PDB file of N, CA and C in Angstrom:
ATOM      1  N   MET A   1     -99.483-142.913 -69.814  1.00  0.00           N
ATOM      2  CA  MET A   1     -99.584-144.310 -70.180  1.00  0.00           C
ATOM      3  C   MET A   1     -98.266-144.805 -70.778  1.00  0.00           C
ATOM      4  N   MET A   2     -97.535-143.891 -71.396  1.00  0.00           N
ATOM      5  CA  MET A   2     -96.260-144.267 -71.997  1.00  0.00           C
ATOM      6  C   MET A   2     -95.260-144.697 -70.923  1.00  0.00           C
ATOM      7  N   ALA A   3     -95.291-144.026 -69.774  1.00  0.00           N
ATOM      8  CA  ALA A   3     -94.374-144.382 -68.686  1.00  0.00           C
ATOM      9  C   ALA A   3     -94.647-145.808 -68.209  1.00  0.00           C
ATOM     10  N   PHE A   4     -95.917-146.198 -68.175  1.00  0.00           N
ATOM     11  CA  PHE A   4     -96.279-147.546 -67.751  1.00  0.00           C
ATOM     12  C   PHE A   4     -95.677-148.588 -68.694  1.00  0.00           C
ATOM     13  N   TRP A   5     -95.862-148.373 -70.001  1.00  0.00           N
ATOM     14  CA  TRP A   5     -95.363-149.355 -70.966  1.00  0.00           C
ATOM     15  C   TRP A   5     -93.840-149.386 -71.011  1.00  0.00           C
ATOM     16  N   THR A   6     -93.207-148.236 -70.870  1.00  0.00           N
ATOM     17  CA  THR A   6     -91.743-148.195 -70.855  1.00  0.00           C
ATOM     18  C   THR A   6     -91.196-148.990 -69.674  1.00  0.00           C
ATOM     19  N   TYR A   7     -91.769-148.756 -68.494  1.00  0.00           N
ATOM     20  CA  TYR A   7     -91.307-149.458 -67.290  1.00  0.00           C
ATOM     21  C   TYR A   7     -91.595-150.959 -67.394  1.00  0.00           C
ATOM     22  N   THR A   8     -92.767-151.314 -67.869  1.00  0.00           N
ATOM     23  CA  THR A   8     -93.139-152.728 -67.990  1.00  0.00           C
ATOM     24  C   THR A   8     -92.214-153.459 -68.968  1.00  0.00           C
ATOM     25  N   LEU A   9     -91.949-152.854 -70.112  1.00  0.00           N
ATOM     26  CA  LEU A   9     -91.060-153.497 -71.091  1.00  0.00           C
ATOM     27  C   LEU A   9     -89.633-153.589 -70.566  1.00  0.00           C
ATOM     28  N   ALA A  10     -89.198-152.587 -69.818  1.00  0.00           N
ATOM     29  CA  ALA A  10     -87.857-152.647 -69.225  1.00  0.00           C
ATOM     30  C   ALA A  10     -87.776-153.773 -68.204  1.00  0.00           C
ATOM     31  N   ARG A  11     -88.813-153.933 -67.381  1.00  0.00           N
ATOM     32  CA  ARG A  11     -88.829-155.029 -66.402  1.00  0.00           C
ATOM     33  C   ARG A  11     -88.793-156.386 -67.092  1.00  0.00           C
ATOM     34  N   LEU A  12     -89.570-156.525 -68.170  1.00  0.00           N
ATOM     35  CA  LEU A  12     -89.571-157.790 -68.910  1.00  0.00           C
ATOM     36  C   LEU A  12     -88.211-158.061 -69.551  1.00  0.00           C
ATOM     37  N   ALA A  13     -87.558-157.019 -70.033  1.00  0.00           N
ATOM     38  CA  ALA A  13     -86.232-157.190 -70.633  1.00  0.00           C
ATOM     39  C   ALA A  13     -85.218-157.639 -69.585  1.00  0.00           C
ATOM     40  N   VAL A  14     -85.275-157.052 -68.394  1.00  0.00           N
ATOM     41  CA  VAL A  14     -84.364-157.457 -67.318  1.00  0.00           C
ATOM     42  C   VAL A  14     -84.652-158.900 -66.908  1.00  0.00           C
ATOM     43  N   LEU A  15     -85.929-159.273 -66.841  1.00  0.00           N
ATOM     44  CA  LEU A  15     -86.292-160.652 -66.504  1.00  0.00           C
ATOM     45  C   LEU A  15     -85.772-161.623 -67.564  1.00  0.00           C
ATOM     46  N   ALA A  16     -85.937-161.284 -68.834  1.00  0.00           N
ATOM     47  CA  ALA A  16     -85.461-162.161 -69.910  1.00  0.00           C
ATOM     48  C   ALA A  16     -83.937-162.286 -69.889  1.00  0.00           C
ATOM     49  N   ALA A  17     -83.257-161.193 -69.642  1.00  0.00           N
ATOM     50  CA  ALA A  17     -81.796-161.234 -69.571  1.00  0.00           C
ATOM     51  C   ALA A  17     -81.335-162.090 -68.391  1.00  0.00           C
ATOM     52  N   SER A  18     -81.987-161.925 -67.253  1.00  0.00           N
ATOM     53  CA  SER A  18     -81.648-162.735 -66.080  1.00  0.00           C
ATOM     54  C   SER A  18     -81.897-164.213 -66.361  1.00  0.00           C
ATOM     55  N   PHE A  19     -83.015-164.501 -66.991  1.00  0.00           N
ATOM     56  CA  PHE A  19     -83.359-165.868 -67.348  1.00  0.00           C
ATOM     57  C   PHE A  19     -82.280-166.467 -68.254  1.00  0.00           C
ATOM     58  N   GLY A  20     -81.871-165.709 -69.265  1.00  0.00           N
ATOM     59  CA  GLY A  20     -80.855-166.200 -70.198  1.00  0.00           C
ATOM     60  C   GLY A  20     -79.509-166.440 -69.542  1.00  0.00           C
ATOM     61  N   VAL A  21     -79.079-165.505 -68.713  1.00  0.00           N
ATOM     62  CA  VAL A  21     -77.781-165.647 -68.047  1.00  0.00           C
ATOM     63  C   VAL A  21     -77.804-166.849 -67.098  1.00  0.00           C
ATOM     64  N   LEU A  22     -78.869-167.008 -66.352  1.00  0.00           N
ATOM     65  CA  LEU A  22     -78.957-168.127 -65.414  1.00  0.00           C
ATOM     66  C   LEU A  22     -79.071-169.468 -66.146  1.00  0.00           C
ATOM     67  N   TYR A  23     -79.733-169.469 -67.300  1.00  0.00           N
ATOM     68  CA  TYR A  23     -79.828-170.699 -68.091  1.00  0.00           C
ATOM     69  C   TYR A  23     -78.445-171.117 -68.584  1.00  0.00           C
ATOM     70  N   VAL A  24     -77.699-170.155 -69.089  1.00  0.00           N
ATOM     71  CA  VAL A  24     -76.344-170.445 -69.565  1.00  0.00           C
ATOM     72  C   VAL A  24     -75.466-170.897 -68.402  1.00  0.00           C
ATOM     73  N   ALA A  25     -75.724-170.352 -67.204  1.00  0.00           N
ATOM     74  CA  ALA A  25     -74.931-170.720 -66.029  1.00  0.00           C
ATOM     75  C   ALA A  25     -75.287-172.114 -65.509  1.00  0.00           C
ATOM     76  N   GLY A  26     -76.369-172.698 -66.030  1.00  0.00           N
ATOM     77  CA  GLY A  26     -76.683-174.068 -65.662  1.00  0.00           C
ATOM     78  C   GLY A  26     -77.942-174.265 -64.838  1.00  0.00           C
ATOM     79  N   ALA A  27     -78.654-173.213 -64.497  1.00  0.00           N
ATOM     80  CA  ALA A  27     -79.898-173.361 -63.730  1.00  0.00           C
ATOM     81  C   ALA A  27     -80.988-173.907 -64.647  1.00  0.00           C
ATOM     82  N   ARG A  28     -81.806-174.790 -64.111  1.00  0.00           N
ATOM     83  CA  ARG A  28     -82.884-175.391 -64.892  1.00  0.00           C
ATOM     84  C   ARG A  28     -84.126-175.533 -64.021  1.00  0.00           C
ATOM     85  N   GLY A  29     -85.268-175.687 -64.681  1.00  0.00           N
ATOM     86  CA  GLY A  29     -86.520-175.974 -63.997  1.00  0.00           C
ATOM     87  C   GLY A  29     -87.018-174.828 -63.135  1.00  0.00           C
ATOM     88  N   ILE A  30     -87.643-175.208 -62.028  1.00  0.00           N
ATOM     89  CA  ILE A  30     -88.236-174.233 -61.118  1.00  0.00           C
ATOM     90  C   ILE A  30     -87.165-173.339 -60.495  1.00  0.00           C
ATOM     91  N   LEU A  31     -85.980-173.889 -60.278  1.00  0.00           N
ATOM     92  CA  LEU A  31     -84.889-173.093 -59.735  1.00  0.00           C
ATOM     93  C   LEU A  31     -84.549-171.939 -60.674  1.00  0.00           C
ATOM     94  N   LEU A  32     -84.546-172.193 -61.967  1.00  0.00           N
ATOM     95  CA  LEU A  32     -84.274-171.156 -62.957  1.00  0.00           C
ATOM     96  C   LEU A  32     -85.307-170.041 -62.869  1.00  0.00           C
ATOM     97  N   ILE A  33     -86.556-170.411 -62.782  1.00  0.00           N
ATOM     98  CA  ILE A  33     -87.634-169.415 -62.727  1.00  0.00           C
ATOM     99  C   ILE A  33     -87.542-168.579 -61.456  1.00  0.00           C
ATOM    100  N   VAL A  34     -87.373-169.231 -60.324  1.00  0.00           N
ATOM    101  CA  VAL A  34     -87.307-168.518 -59.045  1.00  0.00           C
ATOM    102  C   VAL A  34     -86.096-167.590 -59.006  1.00  0.00           C
ATOM    103  N   LEU A  35     -84.940-168.098 -59.401  1.00  0.00           N
ATOM    104  CA  LEU A  35     -83.740-167.266 -59.393  1.00  0.00           C
ATOM    105  C   LEU A  35     -83.851-166.094 -60.372  1.00  0.00           C
ATOM    106  N   ALA A  36     -84.426-166.325 -61.545  1.00  0.00           N
ATOM    107  CA  ALA A  36     -84.575-165.254 -62.530  1.00  0.00           C
ATOM    108  C   ALA A  36     -85.473-164.144 -61.998  1.00  0.00           C
ATOM    109  N   VAL A  37     -86.564-164.509 -61.331  1.00  0.00           N
ATOM    110  CA  VAL A  37     -87.466-163.503 -60.755  1.00  0.00           C
ATOM    111  C   VAL A  37     -86.765-162.724 -59.648  1.00  0.00           C
ATOM    112  N   LEU A  38     -86.055-163.420 -58.778  1.00  0.00           N
ATOM    113  CA  LEU A  38     -85.362-162.748 -57.679  1.00  0.00           C
ATOM    114  C   LEU A  38     -84.243-161.841 -58.182  1.00  0.00           C
ATOM    115  N   VAL A  39     -83.420-162.357 -59.077  1.00  0.00           N
ATOM    116  CA  VAL A  39     -82.305-161.569 -59.602  1.00  0.00           C
ATOM    117  C   VAL A  39     -82.816-160.364 -60.377  1.00  0.00           C
ATOM    118  N   SER A  40     -83.829-160.563 -61.217  1.00  0.00           N
ATOM    119  CA  SER A  40     -84.351-159.436 -61.998  1.00  0.00           C
ATOM    120  C   SER A  40     -85.001-158.394 -61.090  1.00  0.00           C
ATOM    121  N   GLY A  41     -85.618-158.828 -60.005  1.00  0.00           N
ATOM    122  CA  GLY A  41     -86.192-157.881 -59.057  1.00  0.00           C
ATOM    123  C   GLY A  41     -85.136-157.018 -58.397  1.00  0.00           C
ATOM    124  N   LEU A  42     -84.042-157.642 -58.001  1.00  0.00           N
ATOM    125  CA  LEU A  42     -82.945-156.885 -57.379  1.00  0.00           C
ATOM    126  C   LEU A  42     -82.286-155.929 -58.366  1.00  0.00           C
ATOM    127  N   ILE A  43     -82.065-156.400 -59.575  1.00  0.00           N
ATOM    128  CA  ILE A  43     -81.448-155.541 -60.593  1.00  0.00           C
ATOM    129  C   ILE A  43     -82.380-154.377 -60.935  1.00  0.00           C
ATOM    130  N   SER A  44     -83.659-154.662 -61.095  1.00  0.00           N
ATOM    131  CA  SER A  44     -84.622-153.618 -61.441  1.00  0.00           C
ATOM    132  C   SER A  44     -84.746-152.569 -60.348  1.00  0.00           C
ATOM    133  N   TYR A  45     -84.588-152.983 -59.113  1.00  0.00           N
ATOM    134  CA  TYR A  45     -84.701-152.045 -57.992  1.00  0.00           C
ATOM    135  C   TYR A  45     -83.720-150.889 -58.169  1.00  0.00           C
ATOM    136  N   TRP A  46     -82.504-151.187 -58.562  1.00  0.00           N
ATOM    137  CA  TRP A  46     -81.497-150.143 -58.733  1.00  0.00           C
ATOM    138  C   TRP A  46     -81.465-149.597 -60.156  1.00  0.00           C
ATOM    139  N   LEU A  47     -81.527-150.470 -61.126  1.00  0.00           N
ATOM    140  CA  LEU A  47     -81.336-150.065 -62.513  1.00  0.00           C
ATOM    141  C   LEU A  47     -82.504-149.234 -63.051  1.00  0.00           C
ATOM    142  N   LEU A  48     -83.707-149.549 -62.630  1.00  0.00           N
ATOM    143  CA  LEU A  48     -84.892-148.903 -63.197  1.00  0.00           C
ATOM    144  C   LEU A  48     -85.531-147.879 -62.258  1.00  0.00           C
ATOM    145  N   SER A  49     -84.787-147.366 -61.306  1.00  0.00           N
ATOM    146  CA  SER A  49     -85.371-146.428 -60.340  1.00  0.00           C
ATOM    147  C   SER A  49     -85.862-145.147 -61.019  1.00  0.00           C
ATOM    148  N   GLY A  50     -85.160-144.668 -62.028  1.00  0.00           N
ATOM    149  CA  GLY A  50     -85.593-143.469 -62.736  1.00  0.00           C
ATOM    150  C   GLY A  50     -86.914-143.677 -63.464  1.00  0.00           C
ATOM    151  N   LEU A  51     -87.038-144.814 -64.141  1.00  0.00           N
ATOM    152  CA  LEU A  51     -88.299-145.129 -64.825  1.00  0.00           C
ATOM    153  C   LEU A  51     -89.431-145.302 -63.832  1.00  0.00           C
ATOM    154  N   ARG A  52     -89.132-145.922 -62.696  1.00  0.00           N
ATOM    155  CA  ARG A  52     -90.145-146.134 -61.669  1.00  0.00           C
ATOM    156  C   ARG A  52     -90.622-144.791 -61.095  1.00  0.00           C
ATOM    157  N   ASP A  53     -89.696-143.851 -60.919  1.00  0.00           N
ATOM    158  CA  ASP A  53     -90.072-142.525 -60.423  1.00  0.00           C
ATOM    159  C   ASP A  53     -90.972-141.799 -61.421  1.00  0.00           C
ATOM    160  N   ARG A  54     -90.647-141.896 -62.715  1.00  0.00           N
ATOM    161  CA  ARG A  54     -91.497-141.272 -63.739  1.00  0.00           C
ATOM    162  C   ARG A  54     -92.885-141.909 -63.768  1.00  0.00           C
ATOM    163  N   LEU A  55     -92.936-143.217 -63.588  1.00  0.00           N
ATOM    164  CA  LEU A  55     -94.225-143.902 -63.552  1.00  0.00           C
ATOM    165  C   LEU A  55     -95.036-143.427 -62.358  1.00  0.00           C
ATOM    166  N   THR A  56     -94.397-143.260 -61.216  1.00  0.00           N
ATOM    167  CA  THR A  56     -95.086-142.792 -60.018  1.00  0.00           C
ATOM    168  C   THR A  56     -95.674-141.406 -60.237  1.00  0.00           C
ATOM    169  N   VAL A  57     -94.903-140.510 -60.830  1.00  0.00           N
ATOM    170  CA  VAL A  57     -95.387-139.151 -61.102  1.00  0.00           C
ATOM    171  C   VAL A  57     -96.572-139.202 -62.060  1.00  0.00           C
ATOM    172  N   SER A  58     -96.492-140.040 -63.066  1.00  0.00           N
ATOM    173  CA  SER A  58     -97.567-140.176 -64.044  1.00  0.00           C
ATOM    174  C   SER A  58     -98.851-140.685 -63.394  1.00  0.00           C
ATOM    175  N   VAL A  59     -98.728-141.689 -62.545  1.00  0.00           N
ATOM    176  CA  VAL A  59     -99.906-142.255 -61.874  1.00  0.00           C
ATOM    177  C   VAL A  59    -100.512-141.235 -60.909  1.00  0.00           C
ATOM    178  N   GLN A  60     -99.674-140.519 -60.181  1.00  0.00           N
ATOM    179  CA  GLN A  60    -100.177-139.509 -59.253  1.00  0.00           C
ATOM    180  C   GLN A  60    -100.894-138.383 -59.995  1.00  0.00           C
ATOM    181  N   ALA A  61    -100.361-137.954 -61.129  1.00  0.00           N
ATOM    182  CA  ALA A  61    -100.994-136.896 -61.911  1.00  0.00           C
ATOM    183  C   ALA A  61    -102.356-137.353 -62.425  1.00  0.00           C
ATOM    184  N   ARG A  62    -102.419-138.581 -62.889  1.00  0.00           N
ATOM    185  CA  ARG A  62    -103.698-139.110 -63.381  1.00  0.00           C
ATOM    186  C   ARG A  62    -104.715-139.217 -62.255  1.00  0.00           C
ATOM    187  N   ALA A  63    -104.283-139.689 -61.099  1.00  0.00           N
ATOM    188  CA  ALA A  63    -105.187-139.789 -59.954  1.00  0.00           C
ATOM    189  C   ALA A  63    -105.675-138.407 -59.518  1.00  0.00           C
ATOM    190  N   GLN A  64    -104.806-137.406 -59.575  1.00  0.00           N
ATOM    191  CA  GLN A  64    -105.194-136.047 -59.209  1.00  0.00           C
ATOM    192  C   GLN A  64    -106.230-135.488 -60.178  1.00  0.00           C
ATOM    193  N   ARG A  65    -106.048-135.751 -61.488  1.00  0.00           N
ATOM    194  CA  ARG A  65    -107.030-135.289 -62.473  1.00  0.00           C
ATOM    195  C   ARG A  65    -108.391-135.928 -62.228  1.00  0.00           C
ATOM    196  N   ILE A  66    -108.398-137.220 -61.928  1.00  0.00           N
ATOM    197  CA  ILE A  66    -109.657-137.913 -61.642  1.00  0.00           C
ATOM    198  C   ILE A  66    -110.296-137.342 -60.383  1.00  0.00           C
ATOM    199  N   ASN A  67    -109.493-137.112 -59.365  1.00  0.00           N
ATOM    200  CA  ASN A  67    -109.993-136.554 -58.115  1.00  0.00           C
ATOM    201  C   ASN A  67    -110.567-135.153 -58.339  1.00  0.00           C
ATOM    202  N   ASP A  68    -109.902-134.351 -59.148  1.00  0.00           N
ATOM    203  CA  ASP A  68    -110.389-133.000 -59.443  1.00  0.00           C
ATOM    204  C   ASP A  68    -111.732-133.048 -60.163  1.00  0.00           C
ATOM    205  N   ARG A  69    -111.881-133.969 -61.120  1.00  0.00           N
ATOM    206  CA  ARG A  69    -113.151-134.100 -61.834  1.00  0.00           C
ATOM    207  C   ARG A  69    -114.268-134.550 -60.897  1.00  0.00           C
ATOM    208  N   MET A  70    -113.954-135.473 -60.001  1.00  0.00           N
ATOM    209  CA  MET A  70    -114.971-135.929 -59.039  1.00  0.00           C
ATOM    210  C   MET A  70    -115.380-134.795 -58.100  1.00  0.00           C
ATOM    211  N   GLU A  71    -114.404-134.012 -57.670  1.00  0.00           N
ATOM    212  CA  GLU A  71    -114.684-132.873 -56.794  1.00  0.00           C
ATOM    213  C   GLU A  71    -115.544-131.833 -57.505  1.00  0.00           C
ATOM    214  N   ALA A  72    -115.251-131.584 -58.780  1.00  0.00           N
ATOM    215  CA  ALA A  72    -116.048-130.627 -59.550  1.00  0.00           C
ATOM    216  C   ALA A  72    -117.477-131.128 -59.724  1.00  0.00           C
ATOM    217  N   ALA A  73    -117.638-132.420 -59.963  1.00  0.00           N
ATOM    218  CA  ALA A  73    -118.984-132.987 -60.113  1.00  0.00           C
ATOM    219  C   ALA A  73    -119.751-132.908 -58.800  1.00  0.00           C
ATOM    220  N   THR A  74    -119.089-133.173 -57.689  1.00  0.00           N
ATOM    221  CA  THR A  74    -119.738-133.098 -56.379  1.00  0.00           C
ATOM    222  C   THR A  74    -120.141-131.665 -56.067  1.00  0.00           C
ATOM    223  N   THR A  75    -119.278-130.720 -56.376  1.00  0.00           N
ATOM    224  CA  THR A  75    -119.582-129.307 -56.136  1.00  0.00           C
ATOM    225  C   THR A  75    -120.767-128.869 -56.987  1.00  0.00           C
ATOM    226  N   ALA A  76    -120.808-129.323 -58.236  1.00  0.00           N
ATOM    227  CA  ALA A  76    -121.924-128.971 -59.112  1.00  0.00           C
ATOM    228  C   ALA A  76    -123.231-129.536 -58.599  1.00  0.00           C
ATOM    229  N   GLU A  77    -123.212-130.717 -58.012  1.00  0.00           N
ATOM    230  CA  GLU A  77    -124.423-131.320 -57.450  1.00  0.00           C
ATOM    231  C   GLU A  77    -124.892-130.591 -56.203  1.00  0.00           C
ATOM    232  N   ASP A  78    -123.965-130.008 -55.468  1.00  0.00           N
ATOM    233  CA  ASP A  78    -124.297-129.366 -54.206  1.00  0.00           C
ATOM    234  C   ASP A  78    -124.884-127.969 -54.377  1.00  0.00           C
ATOM    235  N   ILE A  79    -124.786-127.392 -55.555  1.00  0.00           N
ATOM    236  CA  ILE A  79    -125.343-126.049 -55.787  1.00  0.00           C
ATOM    237  C   ILE A  79    -126.855-126.154 -55.778  1.00  0.00           C
ATOM    238  N   ASP A  80    -127.452-125.378 -54.888  1.00  0.00           N
ATOM    239  CA  ASP A  80    -128.926-125.396 -54.788  1.00  0.00           C
ATOM    240  C   ASP A  80    -129.531-124.607 -55.947  1.00  0.00           C
ATOM    241  N   GLU A  81    -130.420-125.264 -56.620  1.00  0.00           N
ATOM    242  CA  GLU A  81    -131.147-124.591 -57.700  1.00  0.00           C
ATOM    243  C   GLU A  81    -132.438-124.043 -57.119  1.00  0.00           C
ATOM    244  N   PRO A  82    -132.848-122.892 -57.587  1.00  0.00           N
ATOM    245  CA  PRO A  82    -134.097-122.348 -57.058  1.00  0.00           C
ATOM    246  C   PRO A  82    -135.282-123.233 -57.445  1.00  0.00           C
ATOM    247  N   GLY A  83    -136.139-123.468 -56.483  1.00  0.00           N
ATOM    248  CA  GLY A  83    -137.316-124.303 -56.721  1.00  0.00           C
ATOM    249  C   GLY A  83    -138.439-123.505 -57.360  1.00  0.00           C
ATOM    250  N   PRO A  84    -139.617-124.126 -57.510  1.00  0.00           N
ATOM    251  CA  PRO A  84    -140.737-123.445 -58.159  1.00  0.00           C
ATOM    252  C   PRO A  84    -141.250-122.253 -57.319  1.00  0.00           C
ATOM    253  N   ASN A  85    -140.938-122.253 -56.038  1.00  0.00           N
ATOM    254  CA  ASN A  85    -141.420-121.160 -55.183  1.00  0.00           C
ATOM    255  C   ASN A  85    -140.404-120.053 -55.049  1.00  0.00           C
ATOM    256  N   GLY A  86    -139.306-120.141 -55.756  1.00  0.00           N
ATOM    257  CA  GLY A  86    -138.394-119.021 -55.747  1.00  0.00           C
ATOM    258  C   GLY A  86    -137.138-119.291 -55.087  1.00  0.00           C
TER     259      GLY A  86
END
């Protein structure tokens, strides 16, 4: 969960920095918002690749743990218990 918050806060920081730089450069209104999102997306693609990779590993590990628990529960349900006749 820490990887998620680290990556999310880093993305927001890049977006805020892009917004500030574009505002100082003279962009205003909807153009400012659109350009800030596009620029921050491009910067994040390269700058935050390491954080994104850690987030991917974290999500995959969590999904695997959930899958393992579901598989164990299914296997436990499939075990035939002896009935009253033996």
